[in-house]
Every structure is written in structure tokens, then in C-alpha cells.
Amino acid sequence: MADTQHITLQIVSHRVALNIVPEQEPLYRNAAHRINELYQKYQKVYPNMPVEQLWIYVALALAVNLQSDARDKNIGPIIDKVRELNQLIEETLNKE
């Protein structure tokens, strides 16, 4: 089993203690930072919204970002192949 390290993250008004693989520390810290940014954004836009509702907006924004990243990752190889085929077509047309 890999060695772990203990970290504590501050997410809005909550402290989250975790044992993680050291290489993943930047991922966790960046994720906590992003969560805090989104929470503050929605809190400014909807100052009278209940805390539970703000967390739903944060969760939804993160889920949409995750799906978008997954989609972009999945179609990346397809886009590369289309570019390659376009180049071959252009080269073939230029030979004639």
C-alpha cells in the first residue's frame, strides 16, 4: 500500500481532514479552491439563498464541468483523426 499523508482542507466553513497519496495533494487543494470559488460566486449572486441550495448549485456546476471534460476527452482522438483525414484529402486533391 502506498504511503499516505494527512491534509486538512478548508471548504467554505468546513474543515475536511483526509489521508491521501502525496502525489494527489495538488489535486485535492485545487479542488477545494475551485469549490470555494464556486460557492462564493453563487453566494454573491444569490445572497438570500439557503446554504443547502447554494451547495446544490456548486454540485451542479462541478458535475457539468466533469461531463464537459469527459466529453472533450472522448472526442479528442476523433477530432485528431478527422484533421488527419482532411490533410490526406487536401494532399490528394493538390496532386491532381
PDB file of N, CA and C in Angstrom:
ATOM      1  N   MET A   1       0.843  -1.195   0.000  1.00  0.00           N
ATOM      2  CA  MET A   1       0.000   0.000   0.000  1.00  0.00           C
ATOM      3  C   MET A   1       0.879   1.246   0.000  1.00  0.00           C
ATOM      4  N   ALA A   2       0.464   2.224  -0.782  1.00  0.00           N
ATOM      5  CA  ALA A   2       1.247   3.450  -0.897  1.00  0.00           C
ATOM      6  C   ALA A   2       1.207   4.237   0.408  1.00  0.00           C
ATOM      7  N   ASP A   3       2.280   4.960   0.654  1.00  0.00           N
ATOM      8  CA  ASP A   3       2.318   5.828   1.823  1.00  0.00           C
ATOM      9  C   ASP A   3       1.297   6.940   1.641  1.00  0.00           C
ATOM     10  N   THR A   4       0.711   7.357   2.736  1.00  0.00           N
ATOM     11  CA  THR A   4      -0.264   8.440   2.678  1.00  0.00           C
ATOM     12  C   THR A   4       0.195   9.577   3.571  1.00  0.00           C
ATOM     13  N   GLN A   5      -0.397  10.711   3.337  1.00  0.00           N
ATOM     14  CA  GLN A   5      -0.133  11.857   4.196  1.00  0.00           C
ATOM     15  C   GLN A   5      -1.460  12.456   4.614  1.00  0.00           C
ATOM     16  N   HIS A   6      -1.443  13.110   5.747  1.00  0.00           N
ATOM     17  CA  HIS A   6      -2.649  13.720   6.287  1.00  0.00           C
ATOM     18  C   HIS A   6      -2.687  15.183   5.850  1.00  0.00           C
ATOM     19  N   ILE A   7      -3.812  15.606   5.300  1.00  0.00           N
ATOM     20  CA  ILE A   7      -4.011  17.020   4.969  1.00  0.00           C
ATOM     21  C   ILE A   7      -5.361  17.459   5.508  1.00  0.00           C
ATOM     22  N   THR A   8      -5.486  18.740   5.721  1.00  0.00           N
ATOM     23  CA  THR A   8      -6.757  19.329   6.128  1.00  0.00           C
ATOM     24  C   THR A   8      -7.077  20.449   5.151  1.00  0.00           C
ATOM     25  N   LEU A   9      -8.266  20.388   4.595  1.00  0.00           N
ATOM     26  CA  LEU A   9      -8.719  21.394   3.643  1.00  0.00           C
ATOM     27  C   LEU A   9      -9.804  22.244   4.281  1.00  0.00           C
ATOM     28  N   GLN A  10      -9.821  23.512   3.933  1.00  0.00           N
ATOM     29  CA  GLN A  10     -10.886  24.399   4.377  1.00  0.00           C
ATOM     30  C   GLN A  10     -11.816  24.607   3.198  1.00  0.00           C
ATOM     31  N   ILE A  11     -13.029  24.084   3.307  1.00  0.00           N
ATOM     32  CA  ILE A  11     -14.027  24.253   2.257  1.00  0.00           C
ATOM     33  C   ILE A  11     -15.181  25.045   2.859  1.00  0.00           C
ATOM     34  N   VAL A  12     -15.255  26.293   2.439  1.00  0.00           N
ATOM     35  CA  VAL A  12     -16.185  27.273   2.990  1.00  0.00           C
ATOM     36  C   VAL A  12     -15.982  27.293   4.508  1.00  0.00           C
ATOM     37  N   SER A  13     -16.962  26.927   5.291  1.00  0.00           N
ATOM     38  CA  SER A  13     -16.807  26.960   6.750  1.00  0.00           C
ATOM     39  C   SER A  13     -16.528  25.574   7.332  1.00  0.00           C
ATOM     40  N   HIS A  14     -16.175  24.643   6.484  1.00  0.00           N
ATOM     41  CA  HIS A  14     -15.950  23.261   6.920  1.00  0.00           C
ATOM     42  C   HIS A  14     -14.482  22.882   6.779  1.00  0.00           C
ATOM     43  N   ARG A  15     -13.977  22.165   7.757  1.00  0.00           N
ATOM     44  CA  ARG A  15     -12.626  21.612   7.682  1.00  0.00           C
ATOM     45  C   ARG A  15     -12.769  20.135   7.327  1.00  0.00           C
ATOM     46  N   VAL A  16     -12.009  19.720   6.323  1.00  0.00           N
ATOM     47  CA  VAL A  16     -12.073  18.343   5.847  1.00  0.00           C
ATOM     48  C   VAL A  16     -10.685  17.727   6.026  1.00  0.00           C
ATOM     49  N   ALA A  17     -10.611  16.692   6.864  1.00  0.00           N
ATOM     50  CA  ALA A  17      -9.344  16.007   7.107  1.00  0.00           C
ATOM     51  C   ALA A  17      -9.314  14.714   6.289  1.00  0.00           C
ATOM     52  N   LEU A  18      -8.199  14.510   5.590  1.00  0.00           N
ATOM     53  CA  LEU A  18      -8.075  13.355   4.704  1.00  0.00           C
ATOM     54  C   LEU A  18      -6.678  12.748   4.801  1.00  0.00           C
ATOM     55  N   ASN A  19      -6.599  11.459   4.522  1.00  0.00           N
ATOM     56  CA  ASN A  19      -5.326  10.794   4.306  1.00  0.00           C
ATOM     57  C   ASN A  19      -5.271  10.471   2.817  1.00  0.00           C
ATOM     58  N   ILE A  20      -4.263  11.014   2.146  1.00  0.00           N
ATOM     59  CA  ILE A  20      -4.177  10.881   0.694  1.00  0.00           C
ATOM     60  C   ILE A  20      -2.775  10.466   0.273  1.00  0.00           C
ATOM     61  N   VAL A  21      -2.671  10.026  -0.972  1.00  0.00           N
ATOM     62  CA  VAL A  21      -1.373   9.758  -1.572  1.00  0.00           C
ATOM     63  C   VAL A  21      -0.720  11.118  -1.822  1.00  0.00           C
ATOM     64  N   PRO A  22       0.530  11.316  -1.421  1.00  0.00           N
ATOM     65  CA  PRO A  22       1.158  12.643  -1.543  1.00  0.00           C
ATOM     66  C   PRO A  22       1.084  13.252  -2.938  1.00  0.00           C
ATOM     67  N   GLU A  23       1.183  12.431  -3.973  1.00  0.00           N
ATOM     68  CA  GLU A  23       1.141  12.958  -5.337  1.00  0.00           C
ATOM     69  C   GLU A  23      -0.198  13.604  -5.673  1.00  0.00           C
ATOM     70  N   GLN A  24      -1.241  13.256  -4.922  1.00  0.00           N
ATOM     71  CA  GLN A  24      -2.572  13.802  -5.212  1.00  0.00           C
ATOM     72  C   GLN A  24      -2.881  15.079  -4.426  1.00  0.00           C
ATOM     73  N   GLU A  25      -1.965  15.502  -3.581  1.00  0.00           N
ATOM     74  CA  GLU A  25      -2.236  16.691  -2.776  1.00  0.00           C
ATOM     75  C   GLU A  25      -2.605  17.907  -3.613  1.00  0.00           C
ATOM     76  N   PRO A  26      -1.868  18.210  -4.701  1.00  0.00           N
ATOM     77  CA  PRO A  26      -2.273  19.382  -5.504  1.00  0.00           C
ATOM     78  C   PRO A  26      -3.685  19.255  -6.071  1.00  0.00           C
ATOM     79  N   LEU A  27      -4.086  18.038  -6.437  1.00  0.00           N
ATOM     80  CA  LEU A  27      -5.441  17.842  -6.961  1.00  0.00           C
ATOM     81  C   LEU A  27      -6.487  18.183  -5.907  1.00  0.00           C
ATOM     82  N   TYR A  28      -6.266  17.709  -4.693  1.00  0.00           N
ATOM     83  CA  TYR A  28      -7.215  17.977  -3.611  1.00  0.00           C
ATOM     84  C   TYR A  28      -7.251  19.463  -3.266  1.00  0.00           C
ATOM     85  N   ARG A  29      -6.088  20.084  -3.205  1.00  0.00           N
ATOM     86  CA  ARG A  29      -6.046  21.513  -2.857  1.00  0.00           C
ATOM     87  C   ARG A  29      -6.691  22.364  -3.961  1.00  0.00           C
ATOM     88  N   ASN A  30      -6.425  22.021  -5.218  1.00  0.00           N
ATOM     89  CA  ASN A  30      -7.067  22.743  -6.319  1.00  0.00           C
ATOM     90  C   ASN A  30      -8.576  22.526  -6.325  1.00  0.00           C
ATOM     91  N   ALA A  31      -9.006  21.309  -6.028  1.00  0.00           N
ATOM     92  CA  ALA A  31     -10.445  21.022  -5.975  1.00  0.00           C
ATOM     93  C   ALA A  31     -11.112  21.839  -4.869  1.00  0.00           C
ATOM     94  N   ALA A  32     -10.489  21.889  -3.714  1.00  0.00           N
ATOM     95  CA  ALA A  32     -11.050  22.675  -2.606  1.00  0.00           C
ATOM     96  C   ALA A  32     -11.118  24.150  -2.988  1.00  0.00           C
ATOM     97  N   HIS A  33     -10.078  24.632  -3.642  1.00  0.00           N
ATOM     98  CA  HIS A  33     -10.060  26.028  -4.087  1.00  0.00           C
ATOM     99  C   HIS A  33     -11.208  26.297  -5.066  1.00  0.00           C
ATOM    100  N   ARG A  34     -11.414  25.385  -6.010  1.00  0.00           N
ATOM    101  CA  ARG A  34     -12.488  25.546  -7.002  1.00  0.00           C
ATOM    102  C   ARG A  34     -13.859  25.528  -6.328  1.00  0.00           C
ATOM    103  N   ILE A  35     -14.045  24.630  -5.383  1.00  0.00           N
ATOM    104  CA  ILE A  35     -15.318  24.567  -4.650  1.00  0.00           C
ATOM    105  C   ILE A  35     -15.568  25.889  -3.940  1.00  0.00           C
ATOM    106  N   ASN A  36     -14.545  26.409  -3.268  1.00  0.00           N
ATOM    107  CA  ASN A  36     -14.687  27.684  -2.561  1.00  0.00           C
ATOM    108  C   ASN A  36     -15.031  28.818  -3.518  1.00  0.00           C
ATOM    109  N   GLU A  37     -14.382  28.835  -4.689  1.00  0.00           N
ATOM    110  CA  GLU A  37     -14.689  29.872  -5.691  1.00  0.00           C
ATOM    111  C   GLU A  37     -16.144  29.804  -6.131  1.00  0.00           C
ATOM    112  N   LEU A  38     -16.601  28.605  -6.449  1.00  0.00           N
ATOM    113  CA  LEU A  38     -17.983  28.455  -6.909  1.00  0.00           C
ATOM    114  C   LEU A  38     -18.976  28.836  -5.822  1.00  0.00           C
ATOM    115  N   TYR A  39     -18.709  28.404  -4.602  1.00  0.00           N
ATOM    116  CA  TYR A  39     -19.610  28.723  -3.501  1.00  0.00           C
ATOM    117  C   TYR A  39     -19.712  30.243  -3.324  1.00  0.00           C
ATOM    118  N   GLN A  40     -18.568  30.923  -3.334  1.00  0.00           N
ATOM    119  CA  GLN A  40     -18.566  32.379  -3.179  1.00  0.00           C
ATOM    120  C   GLN A  40     -19.285  33.061  -4.337  1.00  0.00           C
ATOM    121  N   LYS A  41     -19.094  32.537  -5.535  1.00  0.00           N
ATOM    122  CA  LYS A  41     -19.764  33.097  -6.715  1.00  0.00           C
ATOM    123  C   LYS A  41     -21.281  33.035  -6.538  1.00  0.00           C
ATOM    124  N   TYR A  42     -21.793  31.855  -6.189  1.00  0.00           N
ATOM    125  CA  TYR A  42     -23.241  31.718  -6.042  1.00  0.00           C
ATOM    126  C   TYR A  42     -23.757  32.471  -4.831  1.00  0.00           C
ATOM    127  N   GLN A  43     -22.952  32.564  -3.798  1.00  0.00           N
ATOM    128  CA  GLN A  43     -23.362  33.317  -2.612  1.00  0.00           C
ATOM    129  C   GLN A  43     -23.515  34.806  -2.931  1.00  0.00           C
ATOM    130  N   LYS A  44     -22.649  35.327  -3.805  1.00  0.00           N
ATOM    131  CA  LYS A  44     -22.759  36.736  -4.214  1.00  0.00           C
ATOM    132  C   LYS A  44     -23.962  36.960  -5.113  1.00  0.00           C
ATOM    133  N   VAL A  45     -24.197  36.014  -6.024  1.00  0.00           N
ATOM    134  CA  VAL A  45     -25.314  36.157  -6.962  1.00  0.00           C
ATOM    135  C   VAL A  45     -26.658  35.984  -6.249  1.00  0.00           C
ATOM    136  N   TYR A  46     -26.702  35.063  -5.296  1.00  0.00           N
ATOM    137  CA  TYR A  46     -27.941  34.761  -4.560  1.00  0.00           C
ATOM    138  C   TYR A  46     -27.704  34.922  -3.062  1.00  0.00           C
ATOM    139  N   PRO A  47     -27.579  36.151  -2.576  1.00  0.00           N
ATOM    140  CA  PRO A  47     -27.214  36.371  -1.171  1.00  0.00           C
ATOM    141  C   PRO A  47     -28.235  35.866  -0.153  1.00  0.00           C
ATOM    142  N   ASN A  48     -29.492  35.718  -0.533  1.00  0.00           N
ATOM    143  CA  ASN A  48     -30.519  35.270   0.404  1.00  0.00           C
ATOM    144  C   ASN A  48     -30.869  33.795   0.262  1.00  0.00           C
ATOM    145  N   MET A  49     -30.133  33.106  -0.590  1.00  0.00           N
ATOM    146  CA  MET A  49     -30.416  31.693  -0.828  1.00  0.00           C
ATOM    147  C   MET A  49     -29.950  30.848   0.363  1.00  0.00           C
ATOM    148  N   PRO A  50     -30.742  29.847   0.764  1.00  0.00           N
ATOM    149  CA  PRO A  50     -30.325  28.962   1.843  1.00  0.00           C
ATOM    150  C   PRO A  50     -29.032  28.222   1.483  1.00  0.00           C
ATOM    151  N   VAL A  51     -28.225  27.935   2.480  1.00  0.00           N
ATOM    152  CA  VAL A  51     -26.927  27.280   2.289  1.00  0.00           C
ATOM    153  C   VAL A  51     -27.075  25.971   1.520  1.00  0.00           C
ATOM    154  N   GLU A  52     -28.094  25.195   1.841  1.00  0.00           N
ATOM    155  CA  GLU A  52     -28.287  23.908   1.170  1.00  0.00           C
ATOM    156  C   GLU A  52     -28.484  24.097  -0.333  1.00  0.00           C
ATOM    157  N   GLN A  53     -29.201  25.141  -0.704  1.00  0.00           N
ATOM    158  CA  GLN A  53     -29.442  25.427  -2.118  1.00  0.00           C
ATOM    159  C   GLN A  53     -28.154  25.868  -2.806  1.00  0.00           C
ATOM    160  N   LEU A  54     -27.329  26.657  -2.114  1.00  0.00           N
ATOM    161  CA  LEU A  54     -26.043  27.061  -2.680  1.00  0.00           C
ATOM    162  C   LEU A  54     -25.181  25.836  -2.982  1.00  0.00           C
ATOM    163  N   TRP A  55     -25.183  24.858  -2.072  1.00  0.00           N
ATOM    164  CA  TRP A  55     -24.394  23.644  -2.289  1.00  0.00           C
ATOM    165  C   TRP A  55     -24.905  22.866  -3.501  1.00  0.00           C
ATOM    166  N   ILE A  56     -26.198  22.915  -3.749  1.00  0.00           N
ATOM    167  CA  ILE A  56     -26.755  22.239  -4.928  1.00  0.00           C
ATOM    168  C   ILE A  56     -26.231  22.915  -6.201  1.00  0.00           C
ATOM    169  N   TYR A  57     -26.182  24.239  -6.212  1.00  0.00           N
ATOM    170  CA  TYR A  57     -25.644  24.951  -7.368  1.00  0.00           C
ATOM    171  C   TYR A  57     -24.167  24.605  -7.586  1.00  0.00           C
ATOM    172  N   VAL A  58     -23.407  24.547  -6.507  1.00  0.00           N
ATOM    173  CA  VAL A  58     -21.987  24.190  -6.609  1.00  0.00           C
ATOM    174  C   VAL A  58     -21.843  22.780  -7.164  1.00  0.00           C
ATOM    175  N   ALA A  59     -22.613  21.836  -6.629  1.00  0.00           N
ATOM    176  CA  ALA A  59     -22.539  20.447  -7.097  1.00  0.00           C
ATOM    177  C   ALA A  59     -22.917  20.341  -8.571  1.00  0.00           C
ATOM    178  N   LEU A  60     -23.946  21.059  -8.971  1.00  0.00           N
ATOM    179  CA  LEU A  60     -24.379  21.029 -10.367  1.00  0.00           C
ATOM    180  C   LEU A  60     -23.300  21.594 -11.291  1.00  0.00           C
ATOM    181  N   ALA A  61     -22.699  22.714 -10.917  1.00  0.00           N
ATOM    182  CA  ALA A  61     -21.638  23.316 -11.733  1.00  0.00           C
ATOM    183  C   ALA A  61     -20.460  22.363 -11.878  1.00  0.00           C
ATOM    184  N   LEU A  62     -20.074  21.708 -10.789  1.00  0.00           N
ATOM    185  CA  LEU A  62     -18.956  20.765 -10.856  1.00  0.00           C
ATOM    186  C   LEU A  62     -19.303  19.541 -11.700  1.00  0.00           C
ATOM    187  N   ALA A  63     -20.536  19.062 -11.603  1.00  0.00           N
ATOM    188  CA  ALA A  63     -20.959  17.908 -12.403  1.00  0.00           C
ATOM    189  C   ALA A  63     -20.967  18.252 -13.893  1.00  0.00           C
ATOM    190  N   VAL A  64     -21.425  19.444 -14.233  1.00  0.00           N
ATOM    191  CA  VAL A  64     -21.429  19.872 -15.633  1.00  0.00           C
ATOM    192  C   VAL A  64     -19.993  19.978 -16.144  1.00  0.00           C
ATOM    193  N   ASN A  65     -19.104  20.551 -15.347  1.00  0.00           N
ATOM    194  CA  ASN A  65     -17.691  20.640 -15.744  1.00  0.00           C
ATOM    195  C   ASN A  65     -17.091  19.261 -15.954  1.00  0.00           C
ATOM    196  N   LEU A  66     -17.429  18.322 -15.089  1.00  0.00           N
ATOM    197  CA  LEU A  66     -16.918  16.960 -15.205  1.00  0.00           C
ATOM    198  C   LEU A  66     -17.398  16.305 -16.491  1.00  0.00           C
ATOM    199  N   GLN A  67     -18.675  16.453 -16.803  1.00  0.00           N
ATOM    200  CA  GLN A  67     -19.217  15.874 -18.033  1.00  0.00           C
ATOM    201  C   GLN A  67     -18.602  16.518 -19.262  1.00  0.00           C
ATOM    202  N   SER A  68     -18.412  17.812 -19.215  1.00  0.00           N
ATOM    203  CA  SER A  68     -17.821  18.522 -20.343  1.00  0.00           C
ATOM    204  C   SER A  68     -16.382  18.058 -20.569  1.00  0.00           C
ATOM    205  N   ASP A  69     -15.623  17.921 -19.492  1.00  0.00           N
ATOM    206  CA  ASP A  69     -14.244  17.438 -19.603  1.00  0.00           C
ATOM    207  C   ASP A  69     -14.204  16.021 -20.152  1.00  0.00           C
ATOM    208  N   ALA A  70     -15.118  15.170 -19.690  1.00  0.00           N
ATOM    209  CA  ALA A  70     -15.168  13.784 -20.165  1.00  0.00           C
ATOM    210  C   ALA A  70     -15.521  13.741 -21.645  1.00  0.00           C
ATOM    211  N   ARG A  71     -16.464  14.570 -22.065  1.00  0.00           N
ATOM    212  CA  ARG A  71     -16.851  14.624 -23.474  1.00  0.00           C
ATOM    213  C   ARG A  71     -15.677  15.082 -24.326  1.00  0.00           C
ATOM    214  N   ASP A  72     -15.011  16.144 -23.884  1.00  0.00           N
ATOM    215  CA  ASP A  72     -13.869  16.662 -24.635  1.00  0.00           C
ATOM    216  C   ASP A  72     -12.762  15.621 -24.738  1.00  0.00           C
ATOM    217  N   LYS A  73     -12.552  14.879 -23.687  1.00  0.00           N
ATOM    218  CA  LYS A  73     -11.519  13.838 -23.694  1.00  0.00           C
ATOM    219  C   LYS A  73     -11.901  12.718 -24.653  1.00  0.00           C
ATOM    220  N   ASN A  74     -13.175  12.372 -24.706  1.00  0.00           N
ATOM    221  CA  ASN A  74     -13.637  11.292 -25.569  1.00  0.00           C
ATOM    222  C   ASN A  74     -13.607  11.651 -27.045  1.00  0.00           C
ATOM    223  N   ILE A  75     -13.842  12.907 -27.379  1.00  0.00           N
ATOM    224  CA  ILE A  75     -13.884  13.266 -28.797  1.00  0.00           C
ATOM    225  C   ILE A  75     -12.534  13.762 -29.312  1.00  0.00           C
ATOM    226  N   GLY A  76     -11.587  13.964 -28.440  1.00  0.00           N
ATOM    227  CA  GLY A  76     -10.266  14.423 -28.853  1.00  0.00           C
ATOM    228  C   GLY A  76      -9.629  13.549 -29.923  1.00  0.00           C
ATOM    229  N   PRO A  77      -9.578  12.222 -29.727  1.00  0.00           N
ATOM    230  CA  PRO A  77      -8.993  11.357 -30.754  1.00  0.00           C
ATOM    231  C   PRO A  77      -9.762  11.403 -32.075  1.00  0.00           C
ATOM    232  N   ILE A  78     -11.067  11.589 -32.007  1.00  0.00           N
ATOM    233  CA  ILE A  78     -11.876  11.673 -33.226  1.00  0.00           C
ATOM    234  C   ILE A  78     -11.513  12.939 -33.998  1.00  0.00           C
ATOM    235  N   ILE A  79     -11.381  14.046 -33.300  1.00  0.00           N
ATOM    236  CA  ILE A  79     -11.010  15.307 -33.950  1.00  0.00           C
ATOM    237  C   ILE A  79      -9.637  15.176 -34.597  1.00  0.00           C
ATOM    238  N   ASP A  80      -8.701  14.543 -33.907  1.00  0.00           N
ATOM    239  CA  ASP A  80      -7.370  14.335 -34.477  1.00  0.00           C
ATOM    240  C   ASP A  80      -7.442  13.515 -35.755  1.00  0.00           C
ATOM    241  N   LYS A  81      -8.256  12.476 -35.758  1.00  0.00           N
ATOM    242  CA  LYS A  81      -8.396  11.616 -36.939  1.00  0.00           C
ATOM    243  C   LYS A  81      -9.035  12.380 -38.097  1.00  0.00           C
ATOM    244  N   VAL A  82     -10.035  13.202 -37.815  1.00  0.00           N
ATOM    245  CA  VAL A  82     -10.679  13.996 -38.859  1.00  0.00           C
ATOM    246  C   VAL A  82      -9.677  14.969 -39.465  1.00  0.00           C
ATOM    247  N   ARG A  83      -8.857  15.586 -38.640  1.00  0.00           N
ATOM    248  CA  ARG A  83      -7.828  16.501 -39.154  1.00  0.00           C
ATOM    249  C   ARG A  83      -6.843  15.756 -40.050  1.00  0.00           C
ATOM    250  N   GLU A  84      -6.451  14.566 -39.619  1.00  0.00           N
ATOM    251  CA  GLU A  84      -5.537  13.751 -40.415  1.00  0.00           C
ATOM    252  C   GLU A  84      -6.151  13.389 -41.772  1.00  0.00           C
ATOM    253  N   LEU A  85      -7.419  12.988 -41.748  1.00  0.00           N
ATOM    254  CA  LEU A  85      -8.104  12.645 -42.998  1.00  0.00           C
ATOM    255  C   LEU A  85      -8.262  13.860 -43.899  1.00  0.00           C
ATOM    256  N   ASN A  86      -8.573  15.011 -43.324  1.00  0.00           N
ATOM    257  CA  ASN A  86      -8.679  16.245 -44.115  1.00  0.00           C
ATOM    258  C   ASN A  86      -7.359  16.576 -44.791  1.00  0.00           C
ATOM    259  N   GLN A  87      -6.283  16.396 -44.081  1.00  0.00           N
ATOM    260  CA  GLN A  87      -4.973  16.669 -44.652  1.00  0.00           C
ATOM    261  C   GLN A  87      -4.691  15.712 -45.816  1.00  0.00           C
ATOM    262  N   LEU A  88      -5.014  14.436 -45.653  1.00  0.00           N
ATOM    263  CA  LEU A  88      -4.819  13.474 -46.728  1.00  0.00           C
ATOM    264  C   LEU A  88      -5.661  13.826 -47.956  1.00  0.00           C
ATOM    265  N   ILE A  89      -6.886  14.259 -47.739  1.00  0.00           N
ATOM    266  CA  ILE A  89      -7.768  14.648 -48.848  1.00  0.00           C
ATOM    267  C   ILE A  89      -7.189  15.853 -49.573  1.00  0.00           C
ATOM    268  N   GLU A  90      -6.744  16.855 -48.800  1.00  0.00           N
ATOM    269  CA  GLU A  90      -6.169  18.047 -49.424  1.00  0.00           C
ATOM    270  C   GLU A  90      -4.918  17.701 -50.219  1.00  0.00           C
ATOM    271  N   GLU A  91      -4.074  16.849 -49.665  1.00  0.00           N
ATOM    272  CA  GLU A  91      -2.859  16.444 -50.380  1.00  0.00           C
ATOM    273  C   GLU A  91      -3.207  15.699 -51.670  1.00  0.00           C
ATOM    274  N   THR A  92      -4.204  14.833 -51.613  1.00  0.00           N
ATOM    275  CA  THR A  92      -4.627  14.092 -52.792  1.00  0.00           C
ATOM    276  C   THR A  92      -5.195  15.017 -53.857  1.00  0.00           C
ATOM    277  N   LEU A  93      -6.015  15.981 -53.443  1.00  0.00           N
ATOM    278  CA  LEU A  93      -6.604  16.922 -54.393  1.00  0.00           C
ATOM    279  C   LEU A  93      -5.539  17.818 -55.017  1.00  0.00           C
ATOM    280  N   ASN A  94      -4.535  18.171 -54.269  1.00  0.00           N
ATOM    281  CA  ASN A  94      -3.463  19.045 -54.785  1.00  0.00           C
ATOM    282  C   ASN A  94      -2.561  18.320 -55.770  1.00  0.00           C
ATOM    283  N   LYS A  95      -2.541  16.978 -55.733  1.00  0.00           N
ATOM    284  CA  LYS A  95      -1.703  16.197 -56.659  1.00  0.00           C
ATOM    285  C   LYS A  95      -2.317  16.158 -58.039  1.00  0.00           C
ATOM    286  N   GLU A  96      -3.618  16.296 -58.128  1.00  0.00           N
ATOM    287  CA  GLU A  96      -4.304  16.166 -59.433  1.00  0.00           C
ATOM    288  C   GLU A  96      -4.283  17.425 -60.230  1.00  0.00           C
TER     289      GLU A  96
END
